[in-house]
Amino acid sequence: MFTKQGKFVKEFTLRPETLGMGSAWQFAFSTDERQTFLLVADGENNVIWSVRRDDGVVQGQTGHNGRNAGQFHWLHQLVSDSRGDLYTGEVDTGKRLQKFVLVNRGKSQK
C-alpha cells in the first residue's frame, strides 16, 4: 500500500501457499465510500477473494474452477462499475466474460 504521494505504507500477502502463477492476478476496489475491500481475481485458484484492505484478511470468496455460470477457468480480469456490478474475463480456453450484479444495491444494513 502507498499513500497518494507514493510513500510505501505496508504490504500483505494473499494465499502464499498457492504455487504456479500466484494468487493475485487483478483487483478492484469495493464501491462503498471507504473502499473497505479489495476484490482479487485469482486465476490460479479460479476464485474472487474478498480481502479487507486494512490488513489483508480474507473475508470470503466467490466462485470456483469450472465452466458454468459463476465458475472460472483462468480468471484473468476483474473490474467493477459505479453500480457495484463486477465483470470478469477469462483466458486460455475459458475465453469469456461474466457479469455479476450487486443485489443489495444501496440498501441500509441494519
PDB file of N, CA and C in Angstrom:
ATOM      1  N   MET A   1       0.839  -1.168   0.000  1.00  0.00           N
ATOM      2  CA  MET A   1       0.000   0.000   0.000  1.00  0.00           C
ATOM      3  C   MET A   1       0.887   1.235   0.000  1.00  0.00           C
ATOM      4  N   PHE A   2       0.418   2.256  -0.696  1.00  0.00           N
ATOM      5  CA  PHE A   2       1.146   3.503  -0.809  1.00  0.00           C
ATOM      6  C   PHE A   2       0.212   4.664  -0.522  1.00  0.00           C
ATOM      7  N   THR A   3       0.766   5.782  -0.076  1.00  0.00           N
ATOM      8  CA  THR A   3      -0.024   6.997   0.054  1.00  0.00           C
ATOM      9  C   THR A   3      -0.238   7.578  -1.338  1.00  0.00           C
ATOM     10  N   LYS A   4      -1.082   8.586  -1.431  1.00  0.00           N
ATOM     11  CA  LYS A   4      -1.308   9.252  -2.717  1.00  0.00           C
ATOM     12  C   LYS A   4      -0.034   9.913  -3.233  1.00  0.00           C
ATOM     13  N   GLN A   5       0.890  10.198  -2.331  1.00  0.00           N
ATOM     14  CA  GLN A   5       2.152  10.809  -2.722  1.00  0.00           C
ATOM     15  C   GLN A   5       3.201   9.764  -3.119  1.00  0.00           C
ATOM     16  N   GLY A   6       2.857   8.479  -3.022  1.00  0.00           N
ATOM     17  CA  GLY A   6       3.762   7.415  -3.439  1.00  0.00           C
ATOM     18  C   GLY A   6       4.629   6.833  -2.346  1.00  0.00           C
ATOM     19  N   LYS A   7       4.409   7.228  -1.098  1.00  0.00           N
ATOM     20  CA  LYS A   7       5.191   6.695   0.017  1.00  0.00           C
ATOM     21  C   LYS A   7       4.668   5.307   0.403  1.00  0.00           C
ATOM     22  N   PHE A   8       5.589   4.341   0.521  1.00  0.00           N
ATOM     23  CA  PHE A   8       5.222   2.980   0.925  1.00  0.00           C
ATOM     24  C   PHE A   8       4.683   2.986   2.345  1.00  0.00           C
ATOM     25  N   VAL A   9       3.553   2.285   2.572  1.00  0.00           N
ATOM     26  CA  VAL A   9       2.943   2.199   3.901  1.00  0.00           C
ATOM     27  C   VAL A   9       3.061   0.793   4.459  1.00  0.00           C
ATOM     28  N   LYS A  10       2.562  -0.208   3.734  1.00  0.00           N
ATOM     29  CA  LYS A  10       2.606  -1.594   4.201  1.00  0.00           C
ATOM     30  C   LYS A  10       2.267  -2.535   3.055  1.00  0.00           C
ATOM     31  N   GLU A  11       2.463  -3.810   3.313  1.00  0.00           N
ATOM     32  CA  GLU A  11       2.110  -4.833   2.328  1.00  0.00           C
ATOM     33  C   GLU A  11       1.554  -6.051   3.047  1.00  0.00           C
ATOM     34  N   PHE A  12       0.829  -6.880   2.320  1.00  0.00           N
ATOM     35  CA  PHE A  12       0.368  -8.159   2.841  1.00  0.00           C
ATOM     36  C   PHE A  12       0.364  -9.163   1.702  1.00  0.00           C
ATOM     37  N   THR A  13       0.358 -10.427   2.054  1.00  0.00           N
ATOM     38  CA  THR A  13       0.340 -11.486   1.042  1.00  0.00           C
ATOM     39  C   THR A  13      -1.021 -12.158   1.030  1.00  0.00           C
ATOM     40  N   LEU A  14      -1.354 -12.723  -0.097  1.00  0.00           N
ATOM     41  CA  LEU A  14      -2.622 -13.432  -0.270  1.00  0.00           C
ATOM     42  C   LEU A  14      -2.316 -14.846  -0.740  1.00  0.00           C
ATOM     43  N   ARG A  15      -2.725 -15.809   0.048  1.00  0.00           N
ATOM     44  CA  ARG A  15      -2.568 -17.220  -0.292  1.00  0.00           C
ATOM     45  C   ARG A  15      -1.127 -17.580  -0.665  1.00  0.00           C
ATOM     46  N   PRO A  16      -0.173 -17.415   0.250  1.00  0.00           N
ATOM     47  CA  PRO A  16       1.226 -17.727  -0.079  1.00  0.00           C
ATOM     48  C   PRO A  16       1.456 -19.198  -0.412  1.00  0.00           C
ATOM     49  N   GLU A  17       0.511 -20.068  -0.053  1.00  0.00           N
ATOM     50  CA  GLU A  17       0.655 -21.487  -0.368  1.00  0.00           C
ATOM     51  C   GLU A  17       0.340 -21.797  -1.836  1.00  0.00           C
ATOM     52  N   THR A  18      -0.233 -20.826  -2.555  1.00  0.00           N
ATOM     53  CA  THR A  18      -0.549 -21.028  -3.961  1.00  0.00           C
ATOM     54  C   THR A  18       0.741 -21.045  -4.776  1.00  0.00           C
ATOM     55  N   LEU A  19       0.882 -22.062  -5.576  1.00  0.00           N
ATOM     56  CA  LEU A  19       2.063 -22.181  -6.435  1.00  0.00           C
ATOM     57  C   LEU A  19       1.704 -21.693  -7.834  1.00  0.00           C
ATOM     58  N   GLY A  20       2.417 -22.139  -8.817  1.00  0.00           N
ATOM     59  CA  GLY A  20       2.123 -21.756 -10.197  1.00  0.00           C
ATOM     60  C   GLY A  20       2.343 -20.277 -10.413  1.00  0.00           C
ATOM     61  N   MET A  21       1.339 -19.599 -10.932  1.00  0.00           N
ATOM     62  CA  MET A  21       1.444 -18.176 -11.265  1.00  0.00           C
ATOM     63  C   MET A  21       0.994 -17.262 -10.126  1.00  0.00           C
ATOM     64  N   GLY A  22       0.775 -17.806  -8.941  1.00  0.00           N
ATOM     65  CA  GLY A  22       0.373 -16.976  -7.806  1.00  0.00           C
ATOM     66  C   GLY A  22      -1.115 -16.712  -7.770  1.00  0.00           C
ATOM     67  N   SER A  23      -1.558 -16.009  -6.727  1.00  0.00           N
ATOM     68  CA  SER A  23      -2.991 -15.868  -6.499  1.00  0.00           C
ATOM     69  C   SER A  23      -3.558 -14.474  -6.738  1.00  0.00           C
ATOM     70  N   ALA A  24      -2.755 -13.493  -7.040  1.00  0.00           N
ATOM     71  CA  ALA A  24      -3.279 -12.152  -7.291  1.00  0.00           C
ATOM     72  C   ALA A  24      -3.018 -11.766  -8.741  1.00  0.00           C
ATOM     73  N   TRP A  25      -4.059 -11.858  -9.563  1.00  0.00           N
ATOM     74  CA  TRP A  25      -3.907 -11.570 -10.989  1.00  0.00           C
ATOM     75  C   TRP A  25      -4.440 -10.188 -11.350  1.00  0.00           C
ATOM     76  N   GLN A  26      -5.471  -9.752 -10.658  1.00  0.00           N
ATOM     77  CA  GLN A  26      -6.097  -8.462 -10.928  1.00  0.00           C
ATOM     78  C   GLN A  26      -6.910  -8.111  -9.695  1.00  0.00           C
ATOM     79  N   PHE A  27      -7.218  -6.835  -9.497  1.00  0.00           N
ATOM     80  CA  PHE A  27      -8.060  -6.479  -8.359  1.00  0.00           C
ATOM     81  C   PHE A  27      -8.931  -5.279  -8.701  1.00  0.00           C
ATOM     82  N   ALA A  28      -9.983  -5.137  -7.887  1.00  0.00           N
ATOM     83  CA  ALA A  28     -10.868  -3.978  -7.972  1.00  0.00           C
ATOM     84  C   ALA A  28     -11.192  -3.563  -6.540  1.00  0.00           C
ATOM     85  N   PHE A  29     -11.472  -2.292  -6.350  1.00  0.00           N
ATOM     86  CA  PHE A  29     -11.874  -1.794  -5.039  1.00  0.00           C
ATOM     87  C   PHE A  29     -13.378  -1.974  -4.870  1.00  0.00           C
ATOM     88  N   SER A  30     -13.818  -2.218  -3.641  1.00  0.00           N
ATOM     89  CA  SER A  30     -15.253  -2.256  -3.377  1.00  0.00           C
ATOM     90  C   SER A  30     -15.823  -0.855  -3.591  1.00  0.00           C
ATOM     91  N   THR A  31     -17.128  -0.781  -3.814  1.00  0.00           N
ATOM     92  CA  THR A  31     -17.735   0.504  -4.177  1.00  0.00           C
ATOM     93  C   THR A  31     -18.294   1.265  -2.982  1.00  0.00           C
ATOM     94  N   ASP A  32     -18.101   0.758  -1.762  1.00  0.00           N
ATOM     95  CA  ASP A  32     -18.531   1.536  -0.605  1.00  0.00           C
ATOM     96  C   ASP A  32     -17.656   2.784  -0.493  1.00  0.00           C
ATOM     97  N   GLU A  33     -18.132   3.778   0.233  1.00  0.00           N
ATOM     98  CA  GLU A  33     -17.436   5.073   0.295  1.00  0.00           C
ATOM     99  C   GLU A  33     -15.977   4.963   0.730  1.00  0.00           C
ATOM    100  N   ARG A  34     -15.684   4.082   1.666  1.00  0.00           N
ATOM    101  CA  ARG A  34     -14.317   3.935   2.173  1.00  0.00           C
ATOM    102  C   ARG A  34     -13.496   2.917   1.379  1.00  0.00           C
ATOM    103  N   GLN A  35     -14.112   2.273   0.396  1.00  0.00           N
ATOM    104  CA  GLN A  35     -13.446   1.207  -0.375  1.00  0.00           C
ATOM    105  C   GLN A  35     -12.768   0.229   0.590  1.00  0.00           C
ATOM    106  N   THR A  36     -13.580  -0.337   1.464  1.00  0.00           N
ATOM    107  CA  THR A  36     -13.118  -1.187   2.561  1.00  0.00           C
ATOM    108  C   THR A  36     -12.460  -2.474   2.086  1.00  0.00           C
ATOM    109  N   PHE A  37     -12.877  -2.980   0.951  1.00  0.00           N
ATOM    110  CA  PHE A  37     -12.400  -4.280   0.492  1.00  0.00           C
ATOM    111  C   PHE A  37     -11.708  -4.203  -0.861  1.00  0.00           C
ATOM    112  N   LEU A  38     -10.805  -5.136  -1.062  1.00  0.00           N
ATOM    113  CA  LEU A  38     -10.252  -5.405  -2.381  1.00  0.00           C
ATOM    114  C   LEU A  38     -10.901  -6.688  -2.875  1.00  0.00           C
ATOM    115  N   LEU A  39     -11.295  -6.716  -4.109  1.00  0.00           N
ATOM    116  CA  LEU A  39     -11.794  -7.927  -4.748  1.00  0.00           C
ATOM    117  C   LEU A  39     -10.673  -8.384  -5.667  1.00  0.00           C
ATOM    118  N   VAL A  40     -10.132  -9.565  -5.388  1.00  0.00           N
ATOM    119  CA  VAL A  40      -8.926 -10.019  -6.078  1.00  0.00           C
ATOM    120  C   VAL A  40      -9.251 -11.215  -6.969  1.00  0.00           C
ATOM    121  N   ALA A  41      -8.984 -11.063  -8.257  1.00  0.00           N
ATOM    122  CA  ALA A  41      -9.139 -12.162  -9.204  1.00  0.00           C
ATOM    123  C   ALA A  41      -7.929 -13.086  -9.071  1.00  0.00           C
ATOM    124  N   ASP A  42      -8.192 -14.334  -8.777  1.00  0.00           N
ATOM    125  CA  ASP A  42      -7.149 -15.352  -8.592  1.00  0.00           C
ATOM    126  C   ASP A  42      -7.287 -16.374  -9.705  1.00  0.00           C
ATOM    127  N   GLY A  43      -6.468 -16.238 -10.740  1.00  0.00           N
ATOM    128  CA  GLY A  43      -6.546 -17.128 -11.898  1.00  0.00           C
ATOM    129  C   GLY A  43      -5.972 -18.502 -11.660  1.00  0.00           C
ATOM    130  N   GLU A  44      -5.134 -18.651 -10.669  1.00  0.00           N
ATOM    131  CA  GLU A  44      -4.564 -19.974 -10.366  1.00  0.00           C
ATOM    132  C   GLU A  44      -5.569 -20.837  -9.603  1.00  0.00           C
ATOM    133  N   ASN A  45      -6.281 -20.238  -8.634  1.00  0.00           N
ATOM    134  CA  ASN A  45      -7.272 -20.966  -7.842  1.00  0.00           C
ATOM    135  C   ASN A  45      -8.692 -20.778  -8.372  1.00  0.00           C
ATOM    136  N   ASN A  46      -8.861 -19.884  -9.357  1.00  0.00           N
ATOM    137  CA  ASN A  46     -10.142 -19.637 -10.014  1.00  0.00           C
ATOM    138  C   ASN A  46     -11.239 -19.215  -9.055  1.00  0.00           C
ATOM    139  N   VAL A  47     -10.940 -18.195  -8.261  1.00  0.00           N
ATOM    140  CA  VAL A  47     -11.903 -17.595  -7.348  1.00  0.00           C
ATOM    141  C   VAL A  47     -11.702 -16.081  -7.332  1.00  0.00           C
ATOM    142  N   ILE A  48     -12.669 -15.379  -6.777  1.00  0.00           N
ATOM    143  CA  ILE A  48     -12.520 -13.967  -6.446  1.00  0.00           C
ATOM    144  C   ILE A  48     -12.463 -13.896  -4.925  1.00  0.00           C
ATOM    145  N   TRP A  49     -11.368 -13.382  -4.398  1.00  0.00           N
ATOM    146  CA  TRP A  49     -11.202 -13.222  -2.954  1.00  0.00           C
ATOM    147  C   TRP A  49     -11.719 -11.850  -2.544  1.00  0.00           C
ATOM    148  N   SER A  50     -12.466 -11.789  -1.450  1.00  0.00           N
ATOM    149  CA  SER A  50     -12.848 -10.522  -0.822  1.00  0.00           C
ATOM    150  C   SER A  50     -11.891 -10.317   0.337  1.00  0.00           C
ATOM    151  N   VAL A  51     -11.062  -9.291   0.236  1.00  0.00           N
ATOM    152  CA  VAL A  51      -9.974  -9.066   1.191  1.00  0.00           C
ATOM    153  C   VAL A  51     -10.169  -7.708   1.855  1.00  0.00           C
ATOM    154  N   ARG A  52     -10.067  -7.670   3.168  1.00  0.00           N
ATOM    155  CA  ARG A  52     -10.148  -6.401   3.895  1.00  0.00           C
ATOM    156  C   ARG A  52      -8.890  -5.585   3.597  1.00  0.00           C
ATOM    157  N   ARG A  53      -9.083  -4.368   3.117  1.00  0.00           N
ATOM    158  CA  ARG A  53      -7.962  -3.536   2.688  1.00  0.00           C
ATOM    159  C   ARG A  53      -7.013  -3.146   3.806  1.00  0.00           C
ATOM    160  N   ASP A  54      -7.523  -2.958   5.014  1.00  0.00           N
ATOM    161  CA  ASP A  54      -6.678  -2.518   6.130  1.00  0.00           C
ATOM    162  C   ASP A  54      -5.570  -3.487   6.476  1.00  0.00           C
ATOM    163  N   ASP A  55      -5.891  -4.803   6.440  1.00  0.00           N
ATOM    164  CA  ASP A  55      -4.917  -5.779   6.939  1.00  0.00           C
ATOM    165  C   ASP A  55      -4.726  -7.012   6.058  1.00  0.00           C
ATOM    166  N   GLY A  56      -5.450  -7.097   4.936  1.00  0.00           N
ATOM    167  CA  GLY A  56      -5.280  -8.219   4.021  1.00  0.00           C
ATOM    168  C   GLY A  56      -5.964  -9.500   4.437  1.00  0.00           C
ATOM    169  N   VAL A  57      -6.829  -9.453   5.452  1.00  0.00           N
ATOM    170  CA  VAL A  57      -7.528 -10.660   5.909  1.00  0.00           C
ATOM    171  C   VAL A  57      -8.627 -11.010   4.912  1.00  0.00           C
ATOM    172  N   VAL A  58      -8.641 -12.277   4.481  1.00  0.00           N
ATOM    173  CA  VAL A  58      -9.656 -12.757   3.546  1.00  0.00           C
ATOM    174  C   VAL A  58     -10.998 -12.842   4.268  1.00  0.00           C
ATOM    175  N   GLN A  59     -12.009 -12.186   3.700  1.00  0.00           N
ATOM    176  CA  GLN A  59     -13.345 -12.178   4.285  1.00  0.00           C
ATOM    177  C   GLN A  59     -14.286 -13.170   3.602  1.00  0.00           C
ATOM    178  N   GLY A  60     -13.932 -13.603   2.401  1.00  0.00           N
ATOM    179  CA  GLY A  60     -14.770 -14.551   1.686  1.00  0.00           C
ATOM    180  C   GLY A  60     -14.239 -14.790   0.286  1.00  0.00           C
ATOM    181  N   GLN A  61     -14.935 -15.670  -0.427  1.00  0.00           N
ATOM    182  CA  GLN A  61     -14.557 -15.964  -1.800  1.00  0.00           C
ATOM    183  C   GLN A  61     -15.798 -16.218  -2.624  1.00  0.00           C
ATOM    184  N   THR A  62     -15.654 -16.019  -3.917  1.00  0.00           N
ATOM    185  CA  THR A  62     -16.741 -16.236  -4.861  1.00  0.00           C
ATOM    186  C   THR A  62     -16.231 -17.119  -5.981  1.00  0.00           C
ATOM    187  N   GLY A  63     -17.042 -18.100  -6.360  1.00  0.00           N
ATOM    188  CA  GLY A  63     -16.728 -18.959  -7.488  1.00  0.00           C
ATOM    189  C   GLY A  63     -15.762 -20.079  -7.157  1.00  0.00           C
ATOM    190  N   HIS A  64     -15.529 -20.910  -8.160  1.00  0.00           N
ATOM    191  CA  HIS A  64     -14.545 -21.990  -8.106  1.00  0.00           C
ATOM    192  C   HIS A  64     -14.275 -22.441  -9.534  1.00  0.00           C
ATOM    193  N   ASN A  65     -13.367 -23.381  -9.677  1.00  0.00           N
ATOM    194  CA  ASN A  65     -12.979 -23.849 -11.001  1.00  0.00           C
ATOM    195  C   ASN A  65     -14.154 -24.509 -11.718  1.00  0.00           C
ATOM    196  N   GLY A  66     -14.325 -24.197 -12.972  1.00  0.00           N
ATOM    197  CA  GLY A  66     -15.380 -24.814 -13.774  1.00  0.00           C
ATOM    198  C   GLY A  66     -15.729 -23.946 -14.963  1.00  0.00           C
ATOM    199  N   ARG A  67     -16.674 -24.415 -15.748  1.00  0.00           N
ATOM    200  CA  ARG A  67     -17.035 -23.711 -16.983  1.00  0.00           C
ATOM    201  C   ARG A  67     -18.492 -23.264 -17.013  1.00  0.00           C
ATOM    202  N   ASN A  68     -19.202 -23.411 -15.900  1.00  0.00           N
ATOM    203  CA  ASN A  68     -20.587 -22.961 -15.827  1.00  0.00           C
ATOM    204  C   ASN A  68     -20.647 -21.527 -15.302  1.00  0.00           C
ATOM    205  N   ALA A  69     -21.840 -20.967 -15.312  1.00  0.00           N
ATOM    206  CA  ALA A  69     -22.017 -19.604 -14.807  1.00  0.00           C
ATOM    207  C   ALA A  69     -21.553 -19.520 -13.356  1.00  0.00           C
ATOM    208  N   GLY A  70     -20.785 -18.484 -13.044  1.00  0.00           N
ATOM    209  CA  GLY A  70     -20.278 -18.293 -11.689  1.00  0.00           C
ATOM    210  C   GLY A  70     -19.026 -19.087 -11.372  1.00  0.00           C
ATOM    211  N   GLN A  71     -18.575 -19.879 -12.320  1.00  0.00           N
ATOM    212  CA  GLN A  71     -17.328 -20.623 -12.170  1.00  0.00           C
ATOM    213  C   GLN A  71     -16.291 -19.985 -13.100  1.00  0.00           C
ATOM    214  N   PHE A  72     -15.029 -20.323 -12.874  1.00  0.00           N
ATOM    215  CA  PHE A  72     -13.974 -19.676 -13.652  1.00  0.00           C
ATOM    216  C   PHE A  72     -12.961 -20.684 -14.182  1.00  0.00           C
ATOM    217  N   HIS A  73     -12.414 -20.354 -15.345  1.00  0.00           N
ATOM    218  CA  HIS A  73     -11.270 -21.080 -15.887  1.00  0.00           C
ATOM    219  C   HIS A  73     -10.245 -20.035 -16.318  1.00  0.00           C
ATOM    220  N   TRP A  74      -9.171 -19.923 -15.573  1.00  0.00           N
ATOM    221  CA  TRP A  74      -8.126 -18.925 -15.774  1.00  0.00           C
ATOM    222  C   TRP A  74      -8.701 -17.513 -15.690  1.00  0.00           C
ATOM    223  N   LEU A  75      -9.312 -17.232 -14.563  1.00  0.00           N
ATOM    224  CA  LEU A  75      -9.840 -15.901 -14.285  1.00  0.00           C
ATOM    225  C   LEU A  75      -8.698 -14.891 -14.373  1.00  0.00           C
ATOM    226  N   HIS A  76      -8.807 -13.962 -15.288  1.00  0.00           N
ATOM    227  CA  HIS A  76      -7.676 -13.082 -15.590  1.00  0.00           C
ATOM    228  C   HIS A  76      -7.959 -11.617 -15.312  1.00  0.00           C
ATOM    229  N   GLN A  77      -9.164 -11.147 -15.544  1.00  0.00           N
ATOM    230  CA  GLN A  77      -9.500  -9.734 -15.383  1.00  0.00           C
ATOM    231  C   GLN A  77     -10.705  -9.572 -14.462  1.00  0.00           C
ATOM    232  N   LEU A  78     -10.724  -8.461 -13.756  1.00  0.00           N
ATOM    233  CA  LEU A  78     -11.821  -8.139 -12.850  1.00  0.00           C
ATOM    234  C   LEU A  78     -11.955  -6.628 -12.801  1.00  0.00           C
ATOM    235  N   VAL A  79     -13.163  -6.133 -12.970  1.00  0.00           N
ATOM    236  CA  VAL A  79     -13.412  -4.698 -12.877  1.00  0.00           C
ATOM    237  C   VAL A  79     -14.803  -4.501 -12.293  1.00  0.00           C
ATOM    238  N   SER A  80     -14.985  -3.418 -11.544  1.00  0.00           N
ATOM    239  CA  SER A  80     -16.310  -3.090 -11.019  1.00  0.00           C
ATOM    240  C   SER A  80     -16.756  -1.772 -11.631  1.00  0.00           C
ATOM    241  N   ASP A  81     -18.069  -1.615 -11.792  1.00  0.00           N
ATOM    242  CA  ASP A  81     -18.587  -0.353 -12.316  1.00  0.00           C
ATOM    243  C   ASP A  81     -19.125   0.497 -11.164  1.00  0.00           C
ATOM    244  N   SER A  82     -19.632   1.657 -11.466  1.00  0.00           N
ATOM    245  CA  SER A  82     -20.095   2.592 -10.438  1.00  0.00           C
ATOM    246  C   SER A  82     -21.311   2.072  -9.678  1.00  0.00           C
ATOM    247  N   ARG A  83     -22.001   1.085 -10.215  1.00  0.00           N
ATOM    248  CA  ARG A  83     -23.163   0.498  -9.537  1.00  0.00           C
ATOM    249  C   ARG A  83     -22.772  -0.659  -8.624  1.00  0.00           C
ATOM    250  N   GLY A  84     -21.510  -1.077  -8.665  1.00  0.00           N
ATOM    251  CA  GLY A  84     -21.061  -2.181  -7.826  1.00  0.00           C
ATOM    252  C   GLY A  84     -21.097  -3.526  -8.512  1.00  0.00           C
ATOM    253  N   ASP A  85     -21.504  -3.565  -9.778  1.00  0.00           N
ATOM    254  CA  ASP A  85     -21.507  -4.820 -10.524  1.00  0.00           C
ATOM    255  C   ASP A  85     -20.071  -5.179 -10.891  1.00  0.00           C
ATOM    256  N   LEU A  86     -19.792  -6.476 -10.959  1.00  0.00           N
ATOM    257  CA  LEU A  86     -18.457  -6.958 -11.315  1.00  0.00           C
ATOM    258  C   LEU A  86     -18.484  -7.586 -12.696  1.00  0.00           C
ATOM    259  N   TYR A  87     -17.396  -7.399 -13.415  1.00  0.00           N
ATOM    260  CA  TYR A  87     -17.208  -8.019 -14.716  1.00  0.00           C
ATOM    261  C   TYR A  87     -15.902  -8.790 -14.670  1.00  0.00           C
ATOM    262  N   THR A  88     -15.936 -10.043 -15.121  1.00  0.00           N
ATOM    263  CA  THR A  88     -14.732 -10.864 -15.116  1.00  0.00           C
ATOM    264  C   THR A  88     -14.416 -11.313 -16.539  1.00  0.00           C
ATOM    265  N   GLY A  89     -13.149 -11.533 -16.787  1.00  0.00           N
ATOM    266  CA  GLY A  89     -12.705 -12.044 -18.078  1.00  0.00           C
ATOM    267  C   GLY A  89     -11.796 -13.241 -17.854  1.00  0.00           C
ATOM    268  N   GLU A  90     -11.967 -14.271 -18.670  1.00  0.00           N
ATOM    269  CA  GLU A  90     -11.167 -15.486 -18.568  1.00  0.00           C
ATOM    270  C   GLU A  90     -10.348 -15.675 -19.836  1.00  0.00           C
ATOM    271  N   VAL A  91      -9.182 -16.264 -19.683  1.00  0.00           N
ATOM    272  CA  VAL A  91      -8.285 -16.502 -20.811  1.00  0.00           C
ATOM    273  C   VAL A  91      -8.090 -17.999 -20.992  1.00  0.00           C
ATOM    274  N   ASP A  92      -7.091 -18.371 -21.811  1.00  0.00           N
ATOM    275  CA  ASP A  92      -6.829 -19.761 -22.150  1.00  0.00           C
ATOM    276  C   ASP A  92      -8.061 -20.291 -22.869  1.00  0.00           C
ATOM    277  N   THR A  93      -8.585 -21.421 -22.477  1.00  0.00           N
ATOM    278  CA  THR A  93      -9.777 -21.940 -23.143  1.00  0.00           C
ATOM    279  C   THR A  93     -11.060 -21.437 -22.497  1.00  0.00           C
ATOM    280  N   GLY A  94     -10.951 -20.624 -21.422  1.00  0.00           N
ATOM    281  CA  GLY A  94     -12.136 -20.012 -20.806  1.00  0.00           C
ATOM    282  C   GLY A  94     -12.805 -19.051 -21.772  1.00  0.00           C
ATOM    283  N   LYS A  95     -12.028 -18.111 -22.300  1.00  0.00           N
ATOM    284  CA  LYS A  95     -12.433 -17.178 -23.354  1.00  0.00           C
ATOM    285  C   LYS A  95     -13.855 -16.648 -23.218  1.00  0.00           C
ATOM    286  N   ARG A  96     -14.152 -16.033 -22.074  1.00  0.00           N
ATOM    287  CA  ARG A  96     -15.482 -15.457 -21.920  1.00  0.00           C
ATOM    288  C   ARG A  96     -15.447 -14.334 -20.896  1.00  0.00           C
ATOM    289  N   LEU A  97     -16.540 -13.569 -20.883  1.00  0.00           N
ATOM    290  CA  LEU A  97     -16.783 -12.527 -19.894  1.00  0.00           C
ATOM    291  C   LEU A  97     -18.010 -12.934 -19.093  1.00  0.00           C
ATOM    292  N   GLN A  98     -18.035 -12.549 -17.819  1.00  0.00           N
ATOM    293  CA  GLN A  98     -19.214 -12.767 -16.996  1.00  0.00           C
ATOM    294  C   GLN A  98     -19.521 -11.478 -16.256  1.00  0.00           C
ATOM    295  N   LYS A  99     -20.805 -11.259 -15.979  1.00  0.00           N
ATOM    296  CA  LYS A  99     -21.235 -10.099 -15.210  1.00  0.00           C
ATOM    297  C   LYS A  99     -21.917 -10.598 -13.946  1.00  0.00           C
ATOM    298  N   PHE A 100     -21.535 -10.001 -12.815  1.00  0.00           N
ATOM    299  CA  PHE A 100     -22.126 -10.330 -11.523  1.00  0.00           C
ATOM    300  C   PHE A 100     -22.801  -9.064 -11.006  1.00  0.00           C
ATOM    301  N   VAL A 101     -24.104  -9.141 -10.757  1.00  0.00           N
ATOM    302  CA  VAL A 101     -24.892  -7.978 -10.360  1.00  0.00           C
ATOM    303  C   VAL A 101     -24.961  -7.892  -8.841  1.00  0.00           C
ATOM    304  N   LEU A 102     -24.666  -6.705  -8.305  1.00  0.00           N
ATOM    305  CA  LEU A 102     -24.787  -6.460  -6.875  1.00  0.00           C
ATOM    306  C   LEU A 102     -26.269  -6.408  -6.531  1.00  0.00           C
ATOM    307  N   VAL A 103     -26.734  -7.344  -5.716  1.00  0.00           N
ATOM    308  CA  VAL A 103     -28.159  -7.488  -5.444  1.00  0.00           C
ATOM    309  C   VAL A 103     -28.655  -6.493  -4.409  1.00  0.00           C
ATOM    310  N   ASN A 104     -27.897  -6.224  -3.378  1.00  0.00           N
ATOM    311  CA  ASN A 104     -28.340  -5.388  -2.264  1.00  0.00           C
ATOM    312  C   ASN A 104     -27.907  -3.938  -2.466  1.00  0.00           C
ATOM    313  N   ARG A 105     -28.070  -3.428  -3.637  1.00  0.00           N
ATOM    314  CA  ARG A 105     -27.593  -2.116  -4.044  1.00  0.00           C
ATOM    315  C   ARG A 105     -28.215  -0.996  -3.202  1.00  0.00           C
ATOM    316  N   GLY A 106     -27.379  -0.314  -2.396  1.00  0.00           N
ATOM    317  CA  GLY A 106     -27.821   0.891  -1.693  1.00  0.00           C
ATOM    318  C   GLY A 106     -28.760   0.680  -0.534  1.00  0.00           C
ATOM    319  N   LYS A 107     -29.075  -0.539  -0.146  1.00  0.00           N
ATOM    320  CA  LYS A 107     -29.984  -0.762   0.978  1.00  0.00           C
ATOM    321  C   LYS A 107     -29.216  -0.666   2.280  1.00  0.00           C
ATOM    322  N   SER A 108     -29.853  -0.124   3.273  1.00  0.00           N
ATOM    323  CA  SER A 108     -29.237   0.032   4.583  1.00  0.00           C
ATOM    324  C   SER A 108     -29.103  -1.327   5.268  1.00  0.00           C
ATOM    325  N   GLN A 109     -27.975  -1.572   5.894  1.00  0.00           N
ATOM    326  CA  GLN A 109     -27.708  -2.827   6.595  1.00  0.00           C
ATOM    327  C   GLN A 109     -27.951  -2.621   8.087  1.00  0.00           C
ATOM    328  N   LYS A 110     -29.183  -2.721   8.544  1.00  0.00           N
ATOM    329  CA  LYS A 110     -29.498  -2.515   9.974  1.00  0.00           C
ATOM    330  C   LYS A 110     -29.735  -3.820  10.679  1.00  0.00           C
TER     331      LYS A 110
END
